[in-house]
N, C-alpha and C. Protein backbone atom coordinates (compact mmCIF):
# COMPACT_ATOMS: atom_id res chain seq x y z
N MET A 1 -26.77 59.89 -59.37
CA MET A 1 -27.41 59.71 -58.08
C MET A 1 -26.81 58.48 -57.41
N PRO A 2 -26.34 58.60 -56.14
CA PRO A 2 -25.79 57.44 -55.45
C PRO A 2 -26.83 56.35 -55.29
N ALA A 3 -26.37 55.10 -55.32
CA ALA A 3 -27.27 53.96 -55.25
C ALA A 3 -28.12 53.98 -53.98
N GLN A 4 -27.54 54.45 -52.85
CA GLN A 4 -28.32 54.44 -51.61
C GLN A 4 -29.48 55.42 -51.65
N ASP A 5 -29.45 56.41 -52.56
CA ASP A 5 -30.55 57.36 -52.72
C ASP A 5 -31.64 56.81 -53.63
N ASP A 6 -31.35 55.77 -54.36
CA ASP A 6 -32.30 55.16 -55.27
C ASP A 6 -32.58 53.74 -54.78
N PRO A 7 -33.70 53.53 -54.08
CA PRO A 7 -33.96 52.21 -53.51
C PRO A 7 -34.06 51.09 -54.53
N GLY A 8 -34.25 51.39 -55.80
CA GLY A 8 -34.34 50.36 -56.81
C GLY A 8 -33.04 50.10 -57.53
N ALA A 9 -31.99 50.85 -57.20
CA ALA A 9 -30.71 50.71 -57.89
C ALA A 9 -29.99 49.44 -57.46
N THR A 10 -29.28 48.83 -58.40
CA THR A 10 -28.46 47.68 -58.04
C THR A 10 -27.18 48.17 -57.39
N ILE A 11 -26.65 47.37 -56.49
CA ILE A 11 -25.44 47.72 -55.76
C ILE A 11 -24.43 46.60 -55.97
N VAL A 12 -23.22 46.96 -56.38
CA VAL A 12 -22.13 45.99 -56.46
C VAL A 12 -21.49 45.96 -55.08
N LEU A 13 -21.60 44.82 -54.42
CA LEU A 13 -21.10 44.69 -53.05
C LEU A 13 -19.58 44.63 -53.02
N ASN A 14 -19.01 45.11 -51.95
CA ASN A 14 -17.56 45.05 -51.77
C ASN A 14 -17.15 43.73 -51.12
N ARG A 15 -17.71 42.66 -51.64
CA ARG A 15 -17.43 41.31 -51.19
C ARG A 15 -17.37 40.40 -52.41
N ALA A 16 -16.73 39.26 -52.23
CA ALA A 16 -16.76 38.21 -53.24
C ALA A 16 -17.60 37.08 -52.68
N ALA A 17 -18.17 36.27 -53.56
CA ALA A 17 -18.96 35.12 -53.14
C ALA A 17 -18.09 33.88 -53.23
N LEU A 18 -18.00 33.15 -52.14
CA LEU A 18 -17.24 31.90 -52.08
C LEU A 18 -18.21 30.75 -51.90
N ILE A 19 -18.11 29.76 -52.79
CA ILE A 19 -18.94 28.57 -52.72
C ILE A 19 -18.03 27.36 -52.63
N LEU A 20 -18.31 26.49 -51.68
CA LEU A 20 -17.57 25.23 -51.57
C LEU A 20 -18.39 24.15 -52.25
N ARG A 21 -17.73 23.39 -53.10
CA ARG A 21 -18.37 22.25 -53.76
C ARG A 21 -17.71 20.99 -53.18
N TYR A 22 -18.56 20.08 -52.73
CA TYR A 22 -18.05 18.87 -52.09
C TYR A 22 -17.42 17.93 -53.10
N LYS A 23 -16.34 17.29 -52.65
CA LYS A 23 -15.72 16.20 -53.40
C LYS A 23 -16.16 14.89 -52.71
N GLN A 24 -15.83 13.78 -53.33
CA GLN A 24 -16.28 12.48 -52.82
C GLN A 24 -15.90 12.21 -51.36
N PRO A 25 -14.70 12.58 -50.88
CA PRO A 25 -14.39 12.32 -49.46
C PRO A 25 -15.37 12.99 -48.49
N PHE A 26 -15.86 14.18 -48.83
CA PHE A 26 -16.83 14.84 -47.96
C PHE A 26 -18.13 14.04 -47.93
N VAL A 27 -18.57 13.61 -49.08
CA VAL A 27 -19.81 12.83 -49.17
C VAL A 27 -19.64 11.49 -48.45
N ASP A 28 -18.48 10.89 -48.57
CA ASP A 28 -18.23 9.63 -47.86
C ASP A 28 -18.35 9.85 -46.35
N TRP A 29 -17.82 10.98 -45.86
CA TRP A 29 -17.94 11.30 -44.44
C TRP A 29 -19.41 11.51 -44.05
N ILE A 30 -20.16 12.26 -44.86
CA ILE A 30 -21.58 12.50 -44.57
C ILE A 30 -22.29 11.17 -44.37
N ASN A 31 -22.07 10.25 -45.27
CA ASN A 31 -22.75 8.95 -45.20
C ASN A 31 -22.25 8.10 -44.04
N ALA A 32 -20.95 8.10 -43.79
CA ALA A 32 -20.39 7.28 -42.71
C ALA A 32 -20.75 7.81 -41.32
N ALA A 33 -20.83 9.14 -41.19
CA ALA A 33 -21.10 9.75 -39.88
C ALA A 33 -22.58 9.77 -39.53
N ASP A 34 -23.43 9.49 -40.49
CA ASP A 34 -24.87 9.56 -40.26
C ASP A 34 -25.27 8.64 -39.12
N PRO A 35 -25.82 9.20 -38.03
CA PRO A 35 -26.19 8.36 -36.88
C PRO A 35 -27.44 7.51 -37.11
N SER A 36 -28.16 7.75 -38.20
CA SER A 36 -29.36 6.97 -38.48
C SER A 36 -29.05 5.88 -39.49
N PRO A 37 -29.07 4.62 -39.06
CA PRO A 37 -28.69 3.53 -39.96
C PRO A 37 -29.65 3.32 -41.14
N THR A 38 -30.84 3.89 -41.07
CA THR A 38 -31.81 3.69 -42.16
C THR A 38 -31.82 4.86 -43.15
N SER A 39 -30.92 5.81 -42.99
CA SER A 39 -30.88 6.96 -43.89
C SER A 39 -30.43 6.55 -45.29
N HIS A 40 -30.93 7.27 -46.26
CA HIS A 40 -30.52 7.11 -47.66
C HIS A 40 -29.09 7.62 -47.81
N ALA A 41 -28.22 6.86 -48.43
CA ALA A 41 -26.86 7.30 -48.69
C ALA A 41 -26.87 8.35 -49.80
N LEU A 42 -26.28 9.49 -49.51
CA LEU A 42 -26.25 10.57 -50.49
C LEU A 42 -25.21 10.31 -51.57
N SER A 43 -25.52 10.73 -52.77
CA SER A 43 -24.54 10.71 -53.86
C SER A 43 -23.83 12.06 -53.88
N LEU A 44 -22.76 12.14 -54.62
CA LEU A 44 -22.03 13.40 -54.78
C LEU A 44 -22.95 14.47 -55.37
N ALA A 45 -23.72 14.11 -56.37
CA ALA A 45 -24.64 15.07 -57.00
C ALA A 45 -25.68 15.56 -56.01
N GLU A 46 -26.23 14.66 -55.21
CA GLU A 46 -27.25 15.08 -54.23
C GLU A 46 -26.66 16.02 -53.19
N ALA A 47 -25.46 15.71 -52.71
CA ALA A 47 -24.83 16.56 -51.69
C ALA A 47 -24.50 17.94 -52.22
N ASN A 48 -24.30 18.06 -53.52
CA ASN A 48 -23.93 19.34 -54.12
C ASN A 48 -25.11 20.11 -54.72
N GLN A 49 -26.32 19.71 -54.39
CA GLN A 49 -27.48 20.42 -54.95
C GLN A 49 -27.68 21.81 -54.34
N GLU A 50 -27.33 21.98 -53.11
CA GLU A 50 -27.55 23.25 -52.40
C GLU A 50 -26.26 23.64 -51.69
N HIS A 51 -25.92 24.94 -51.74
CA HIS A 51 -24.67 25.40 -51.13
C HIS A 51 -24.88 26.67 -50.33
N THR A 52 -24.08 26.82 -49.30
CA THR A 52 -24.00 28.08 -48.60
C THR A 52 -23.07 28.98 -49.41
N VAL A 53 -23.43 30.23 -49.53
CA VAL A 53 -22.58 31.22 -50.20
C VAL A 53 -21.99 32.10 -49.11
N TYR A 54 -20.68 32.15 -49.05
CA TYR A 54 -19.98 32.97 -48.07
C TYR A 54 -19.53 34.26 -48.74
N LEU A 55 -19.84 35.39 -48.13
CA LEU A 55 -19.35 36.66 -48.63
C LEU A 55 -18.03 36.94 -47.95
N VAL A 56 -16.98 37.08 -48.73
CA VAL A 56 -15.63 37.25 -48.19
C VAL A 56 -15.00 38.51 -48.77
N GLU A 57 -14.08 39.10 -48.03
CA GLU A 57 -13.40 40.30 -48.48
C GLU A 57 -12.07 39.94 -49.14
N VAL A 58 -12.18 39.44 -50.34
CA VAL A 58 -11.00 39.15 -51.17
C VAL A 58 -11.30 39.62 -52.58
N GLU A 59 -10.24 39.89 -53.34
CA GLU A 59 -10.43 40.39 -54.69
C GLU A 59 -9.98 39.43 -55.78
N ASP A 60 -9.27 38.35 -55.38
CA ASP A 60 -8.80 37.40 -56.38
C ASP A 60 -8.40 36.10 -55.70
N GLU A 61 -7.96 35.14 -56.51
CA GLU A 61 -7.59 33.82 -55.99
C GLU A 61 -6.41 33.89 -55.02
N ASP A 62 -5.46 34.80 -55.27
CA ASP A 62 -4.32 34.93 -54.35
C ASP A 62 -4.77 35.38 -52.97
N GLU A 63 -5.65 36.36 -52.93
CA GLU A 63 -6.17 36.82 -51.64
C GLU A 63 -7.02 35.73 -50.98
N LEU A 64 -7.74 34.96 -51.79
CA LEU A 64 -8.52 33.86 -51.24
C LEU A 64 -7.61 32.84 -50.57
N ALA A 65 -6.47 32.56 -51.17
CA ALA A 65 -5.54 31.60 -50.57
C ALA A 65 -5.11 32.06 -49.18
N GLY A 66 -4.82 33.34 -49.03
CA GLY A 66 -4.46 33.87 -47.72
C GLY A 66 -5.63 33.82 -46.74
N TRP A 67 -6.82 34.15 -47.24
CA TRP A 67 -8.01 34.13 -46.39
C TRP A 67 -8.26 32.70 -45.90
N LEU A 68 -8.15 31.72 -46.81
CA LEU A 68 -8.35 30.32 -46.43
C LEU A 68 -7.31 29.86 -45.42
N ALA A 69 -6.07 30.31 -45.58
CA ALA A 69 -5.03 29.93 -44.63
C ALA A 69 -5.38 30.40 -43.22
N ARG A 70 -6.03 31.56 -43.12
CA ARG A 70 -6.39 32.10 -41.81
C ARG A 70 -7.72 31.57 -41.28
N HIS A 71 -8.66 31.20 -42.17
CA HIS A 71 -10.02 30.91 -41.73
C HIS A 71 -10.54 29.52 -42.11
N HIS A 72 -9.66 28.63 -42.55
CA HIS A 72 -10.12 27.33 -43.02
C HIS A 72 -10.85 26.52 -41.95
N GLU A 73 -10.38 26.59 -40.72
CA GLU A 73 -11.00 25.77 -39.68
C GLU A 73 -12.44 26.22 -39.41
N GLU A 74 -12.67 27.53 -39.31
CA GLU A 74 -14.02 28.03 -39.09
C GLU A 74 -14.93 27.68 -40.27
N LEU A 75 -14.40 27.82 -41.46
CA LEU A 75 -15.17 27.51 -42.67
C LEU A 75 -15.51 26.02 -42.71
N PHE A 76 -14.52 25.18 -42.46
CA PHE A 76 -14.71 23.73 -42.45
C PHE A 76 -15.77 23.36 -41.41
N GLU A 77 -15.66 23.92 -40.20
CA GLU A 77 -16.60 23.60 -39.14
C GLU A 77 -18.02 24.05 -39.49
N GLU A 78 -18.15 25.17 -40.16
CA GLU A 78 -19.48 25.63 -40.57
C GLU A 78 -20.10 24.67 -41.57
N GLU A 79 -19.30 24.15 -42.49
CA GLU A 79 -19.82 23.16 -43.44
C GLU A 79 -20.18 21.85 -42.74
N LEU A 80 -19.34 21.39 -41.83
CA LEU A 80 -19.64 20.17 -41.08
C LEU A 80 -20.91 20.33 -40.26
N LYS A 81 -21.04 21.49 -39.62
CA LYS A 81 -22.21 21.78 -38.79
C LYS A 81 -23.48 21.78 -39.62
N GLY A 82 -23.36 22.12 -40.90
CA GLY A 82 -24.52 22.10 -41.78
C GLY A 82 -25.08 20.70 -41.97
N TRP A 83 -24.26 19.69 -41.73
CA TRP A 83 -24.70 18.30 -41.87
C TRP A 83 -25.02 17.67 -40.52
N TYR A 84 -24.10 17.84 -39.56
CA TYR A 84 -24.29 17.25 -38.23
C TYR A 84 -23.81 18.26 -37.19
N THR A 85 -24.69 18.61 -36.27
CA THR A 85 -24.35 19.64 -35.28
C THR A 85 -23.49 19.10 -34.14
N ASP A 86 -23.38 17.80 -33.99
CA ASP A 86 -22.58 17.22 -32.91
C ASP A 86 -21.12 17.15 -33.34
N PRO A 87 -20.26 17.96 -32.73
CA PRO A 87 -18.83 17.95 -33.12
C PRO A 87 -18.15 16.60 -32.92
N ALA A 88 -18.73 15.74 -32.10
CA ALA A 88 -18.14 14.40 -31.91
C ALA A 88 -18.18 13.60 -33.21
N LEU A 89 -19.07 13.95 -34.13
CA LEU A 89 -19.17 13.26 -35.42
C LEU A 89 -18.20 13.82 -36.46
N TRP A 90 -17.61 14.96 -36.18
CA TRP A 90 -16.75 15.62 -37.15
C TRP A 90 -15.37 14.97 -37.19
N PRO A 91 -14.70 15.05 -38.32
CA PRO A 91 -13.32 14.54 -38.37
C PRO A 91 -12.42 15.40 -37.49
N ARG A 92 -11.46 14.76 -36.86
CA ARG A 92 -10.52 15.52 -36.01
C ARG A 92 -9.62 16.42 -36.85
N ASP A 93 -9.23 15.93 -38.00
CA ASP A 93 -8.36 16.71 -38.89
C ASP A 93 -9.23 17.70 -39.66
N ARG A 94 -9.10 18.97 -39.31
CA ARG A 94 -9.82 20.01 -40.03
C ARG A 94 -8.81 21.01 -40.59
N SER A 95 -7.74 20.45 -41.11
CA SER A 95 -6.66 21.26 -41.67
C SER A 95 -7.05 21.82 -43.03
N LEU A 96 -6.30 22.80 -43.48
CA LEU A 96 -6.51 23.37 -44.81
C LEU A 96 -6.28 22.30 -45.87
N LYS A 97 -5.29 21.45 -45.66
CA LYS A 97 -5.01 20.37 -46.61
C LYS A 97 -6.23 19.46 -46.75
N MET A 98 -6.84 19.10 -45.63
CA MET A 98 -8.00 18.22 -45.70
C MET A 98 -9.20 18.93 -46.32
N LEU A 99 -9.39 20.21 -45.99
CA LEU A 99 -10.49 20.96 -46.59
C LEU A 99 -10.35 20.97 -48.11
N LYS A 100 -9.11 21.13 -48.60
CA LYS A 100 -8.88 21.13 -50.05
C LYS A 100 -9.09 19.74 -50.65
N GLU A 101 -8.84 18.70 -49.88
CA GLU A 101 -9.10 17.34 -50.36
C GLU A 101 -10.60 17.04 -50.39
N TRP A 102 -11.35 17.66 -49.52
CA TRP A 102 -12.77 17.41 -49.40
C TRP A 102 -13.64 18.36 -50.21
N CYS A 103 -13.12 19.54 -50.56
CA CYS A 103 -13.93 20.57 -51.24
C CYS A 103 -13.12 21.26 -52.33
N SER A 104 -13.83 21.71 -53.35
CA SER A 104 -13.25 22.65 -54.30
C SER A 104 -13.87 24.01 -54.00
N PHE A 105 -13.21 25.06 -54.45
CA PHE A 105 -13.63 26.42 -54.12
C PHE A 105 -13.97 27.16 -55.40
N GLU A 106 -15.09 27.84 -55.36
CA GLU A 106 -15.55 28.64 -56.49
C GLU A 106 -15.67 30.07 -56.00
N LEU A 107 -14.92 30.98 -56.60
CA LEU A 107 -14.90 32.38 -56.18
C LEU A 107 -15.51 33.25 -57.26
N HIS A 108 -16.45 34.08 -56.86
CA HIS A 108 -17.08 35.05 -57.77
C HIS A 108 -16.81 36.43 -57.20
N THR A 109 -16.03 37.23 -57.91
CA THR A 109 -15.59 38.51 -57.35
C THR A 109 -16.52 39.67 -57.63
N VAL A 110 -17.51 39.49 -58.47
CA VAL A 110 -18.50 40.54 -58.69
C VAL A 110 -19.83 40.05 -58.12
N VAL A 111 -20.28 40.70 -57.06
CA VAL A 111 -21.53 40.35 -56.40
C VAL A 111 -22.44 41.55 -56.47
N VAL A 112 -23.58 41.38 -57.12
CA VAL A 112 -24.51 42.48 -57.34
C VAL A 112 -25.79 42.21 -56.55
N ASP A 113 -26.18 43.18 -55.75
CA ASP A 113 -27.43 43.08 -54.99
C ASP A 113 -28.51 43.76 -55.82
N THR A 114 -29.44 42.98 -56.36
CA THR A 114 -30.51 43.53 -57.19
C THR A 114 -31.81 43.70 -56.40
N GLY A 115 -31.78 43.36 -55.11
CA GLY A 115 -32.98 43.47 -54.29
C GLY A 115 -33.32 44.92 -53.97
N GLU A 116 -34.57 45.13 -53.67
CA GLU A 116 -35.02 46.47 -53.32
C GLU A 116 -35.07 46.69 -51.81
N SER A 117 -35.19 45.62 -51.05
CA SER A 117 -35.26 45.77 -49.60
C SER A 117 -33.85 45.73 -49.01
N PRO A 118 -33.66 46.31 -47.83
CA PRO A 118 -32.33 46.28 -47.21
C PRO A 118 -31.92 44.86 -46.85
N LEU A 119 -30.62 44.63 -46.82
CA LEU A 119 -30.11 43.32 -46.40
C LEU A 119 -30.45 43.10 -44.93
N GLU A 120 -30.89 41.90 -44.61
CA GLU A 120 -31.21 41.54 -43.24
C GLU A 120 -30.70 40.14 -42.97
N ASP A 121 -30.51 39.86 -41.69
CA ASP A 121 -30.15 38.52 -41.27
C ASP A 121 -31.42 37.69 -41.30
N ASP A 122 -31.53 36.79 -42.27
CA ASP A 122 -32.75 36.00 -42.49
C ASP A 122 -33.13 35.12 -41.31
N GLU A 123 -32.15 34.70 -40.53
CA GLU A 123 -32.44 33.79 -39.43
C GLU A 123 -32.17 34.44 -38.08
N PHE A 124 -32.15 35.76 -38.05
CA PHE A 124 -31.98 36.55 -36.84
C PHE A 124 -30.74 36.11 -36.08
N GLU A 125 -30.86 35.84 -34.80
CA GLU A 125 -29.70 35.51 -33.97
C GLU A 125 -29.21 34.08 -34.16
N GLU A 126 -29.99 33.25 -34.84
CA GLU A 126 -29.60 31.86 -35.01
C GLU A 126 -28.41 31.68 -35.93
N TRP A 127 -28.24 32.57 -36.89
CA TRP A 127 -27.15 32.43 -37.87
C TRP A 127 -26.69 33.82 -38.31
N PRO A 128 -25.89 34.49 -37.49
CA PRO A 128 -25.54 35.90 -37.76
C PRO A 128 -24.42 36.06 -38.77
N MET A 129 -24.53 35.43 -39.95
CA MET A 129 -23.47 35.50 -40.94
C MET A 129 -23.26 36.92 -41.46
N LEU A 130 -24.28 37.76 -41.44
CA LEU A 130 -24.11 39.12 -41.93
C LEU A 130 -23.27 39.95 -40.97
N ALA A 131 -23.03 39.45 -39.77
CA ALA A 131 -22.25 40.19 -38.79
C ALA A 131 -21.04 39.39 -38.37
N THR A 132 -20.28 38.89 -39.31
CA THR A 132 -19.14 38.04 -38.97
C THR A 132 -17.85 38.81 -38.81
N ARG A 133 -17.90 40.11 -38.97
CA ARG A 133 -16.69 40.89 -38.80
C ARG A 133 -16.68 41.53 -37.42
N ASN A 134 -15.60 41.33 -36.71
CA ASN A 134 -15.42 41.96 -35.42
C ASN A 134 -14.92 43.37 -35.68
N PRO A 135 -15.65 44.44 -35.27
CA PRO A 135 -15.23 45.79 -35.59
C PRO A 135 -13.92 46.19 -34.93
N VAL A 136 -13.52 45.49 -33.88
CA VAL A 136 -12.28 45.85 -33.20
C VAL A 136 -11.07 45.32 -33.95
N ASP A 137 -11.06 44.02 -34.30
CA ASP A 137 -9.87 43.46 -34.94
C ASP A 137 -10.11 42.98 -36.36
N GLN A 138 -11.32 43.15 -36.89
CA GLN A 138 -11.65 42.79 -38.27
C GLN A 138 -11.35 41.33 -38.59
N SER A 139 -11.43 40.46 -37.60
CA SER A 139 -11.18 39.04 -37.86
C SER A 139 -12.48 38.31 -38.14
N PHE A 140 -12.34 37.17 -38.79
CA PHE A 140 -13.49 36.34 -39.06
C PHE A 140 -14.03 35.80 -37.76
N ARG A 141 -15.30 35.91 -37.53
CA ARG A 141 -15.95 35.34 -36.36
C ARG A 141 -17.01 34.40 -36.87
N PRO A 142 -16.83 33.10 -36.68
CA PRO A 142 -17.80 32.15 -37.22
C PRO A 142 -19.16 32.35 -36.58
N PRO A 143 -20.23 32.04 -37.32
CA PRO A 143 -21.56 32.10 -36.72
C PRO A 143 -21.64 31.16 -35.53
N HIS A 144 -22.51 31.45 -34.63
CA HIS A 144 -22.75 30.65 -33.43
C HIS A 144 -21.61 30.74 -32.43
N ALA A 145 -20.65 31.62 -32.63
CA ALA A 145 -19.51 31.70 -31.71
C ALA A 145 -19.88 32.46 -30.45
């Protein structure tokens, strides 16, 4: 029986999960860019407690390298926006080289949906990550674009 006919069946998604883990330079930027002088300075461990998981259409590290070459700026900006929404606080250099200096990448190529309810955009129009593919050209479209 196909999984879509069984609402309780697990589904292996045709996506990989990409997680960025911050390195010390990213945390140094978070602390230096903080516009509130009384804020607690974050440690590397504190900054890495919670992560966004990106679903990407790659099957291995080689494909990820190509995907990052094409989409590093959007990915970098999404991570920066998660800390400070004002682009004036962001570093000007958002190159792939800098992203690799600031983050490590963790790729999980088997993603299983064990939920029983259909996938939905949890934050509605505010963060349309489930709809990041443009059906015309299949390019990455960052949220909030």
